[in-house]
Amino acid sequence: MNKSLDSKVITIKKLLAEPNLTIPVYQRPYRWTEENIADLLTDIYYQCKRIGHKLGNLCNPDNNYRLGTVVLHHKKSSPFELDIVDGQQRTLTLMLIILAASKSERFKSQLEWYSSATIRLPDCTETHKNLSNNFLLIERQVNSPEFTPDVLDFLLNQCEVVQVTLQHLSEAFQFFDSQNARGLDLSPHDLLKAFHLREFPTSENTLKQSIVEHWEQLDTRDLKLLFSTYLYPIRRWSLGQPAIHFSKANVDVFKGINFNNACYPFQQGIKVIHNTIDSYNKHPHRAIDYQEMDYPFQLTQTIINGRRFFEWVTYYQTLISPLNNFSQEDNKEKSENWLVSALYKEDKLQEISVDNDPRPTALTIFQVIANKRKEESYSYTYSWRQGDQYVRRMFNSLVLSYYDRFGEQHLTRAIEYIFIWAYTLRLQNKSVYLESIEKHIRRNNLFMRLQQSLSPVDFLNKQLPRLTKIEATNIRGIETLFKELGYYSSAKAKESANEQ
């Protein structure tokens, strides 16, 4: 091991009690925002409450909470100074929290050690200004009822960092570079895995191991597609919020409630369902009747942290699969997924229709937008374009949301309705971007309307506008479907009809 490198895990109390910490002049200014501070404090509150930490209790190392890494450089020119090479933003914010707490009589006995603790700063106007502004924000937080002596004790004695101390400046920069640039960054679903594994109660440790093994076997690309293409946009659009990109900053969308903490009134119904299903499946009668009750997951439900989150992800990964893999060559006999079953059932009924209705079926719609329809009039060979893929994602997401809420009730009618709503955007625009999708949803948000609908009729009863002009090119198959469904007639055709 490199003798010039010293690595150890230390508590926040030990880190901030170090009297020789210095921010070197080459460091960028301190720039944490109010949102960064709120996220840090919320995380600390949550973790403290999760383990039920109390001031005066013996600290259990298994409940320690890691806040990251701090890289220090031990300067030869000044052997008593330790430059903070990496971790400046978080360390300075923690210092502000302790400084604010030290000014309150509530925490005086807990912070007697703090009087000599300082961090020397460079002469940087931006850093000093931001520290001053953030101190006022933090002071209000520290004086709030949520910031209790228990929380402070948890922060000092059970929150920790990995402290890496290096002797040579070149090594410090190299370590910083490898940590922040060259290393493989954790994906959002990796962060969610780590969070929800921490949420498992000790009684489910055996189950946790099997879930970890299952998760590790999943294709990372499939998980990325699942979250970024479906789960994240659907949850955001259903709340009337934008969903352009899913990143580490958005993982809170998939964090929810933990029944080990205080149970608020809104959680009671969820807790009843959660425990009832577990009790039913564990009952001795299941060894006789071999019945099993599935949890009634919903895309927009309140997430239950821990085991249910992983079950929720697995459930929707299965449900979404036919949307990604739909093909007209799917075996009608062997296919048992919800989409293929519904489409082929409806197609068979169409074939024996007494009045031989020429209108395209829901199956035809899927075949065309998937570029699987053979007839020349339905040719749509440009479905590979980026804009078309954005529209297809929006269409798929709303079809999935409808099935998730109402099952196969009026599903084929809903597919036609959703197709017209989604592909109107494609026909009206020469180019489609992610921003175009967001604007289209804001203008007439069917995701929100669906969540507010108590029956399929509530969702489908609003008439969609008909097109009179098409701006897009190379969309023959889509245009044909719009005409046959009665949602497009050109201005010239209208004038001709009026003259007659």
Foldseek 3Di string as FASTA:
>chain_A
DDPQKDKDKDALQVVQLQLAEEADPPDDAQDDDPVNLVVVLVVLLVLLQLVVFDPPDDDDLVSFAEPEEWEWEQEPVDNSHTYTLPDVNVSLSVVLLLVLLCVDPQCVVVCPSNPSGDYHYDPDPRNVVVSVVVSVVSNVVCPDPSNHNRSVCCRGPRYIYIYMYGHDPVVSVVVVCCVPPVDDDDWQVNVQLVFLLVLDDPVCPVVSVVLVVVVVPDDPVLLLCLCLLALQCLLQLLVVHARLGDGNVPSVLQDADRPSGDQDPVCVVVVVLVVVQVCVQPDPCCVVVVDHDDRLDASNDGHYGHPSSSVNSVVVSVLLVCLVVPAPPPDLVPDDHQPSVLQVVQVVCQVPDPVNQPADWLVLVSCLLVQHDDDPQQGQPPCPDPQNVSLSSQLSNVLSNLCSQANSVCSRVVSLVSLCLSCVLVFADQGHDSVSVSVSCSVPPLSNQSVVDPHVCSSPVDDDAADAHGDYPRGSNSVVNCVSVVRYDHPVRVVVVVVD
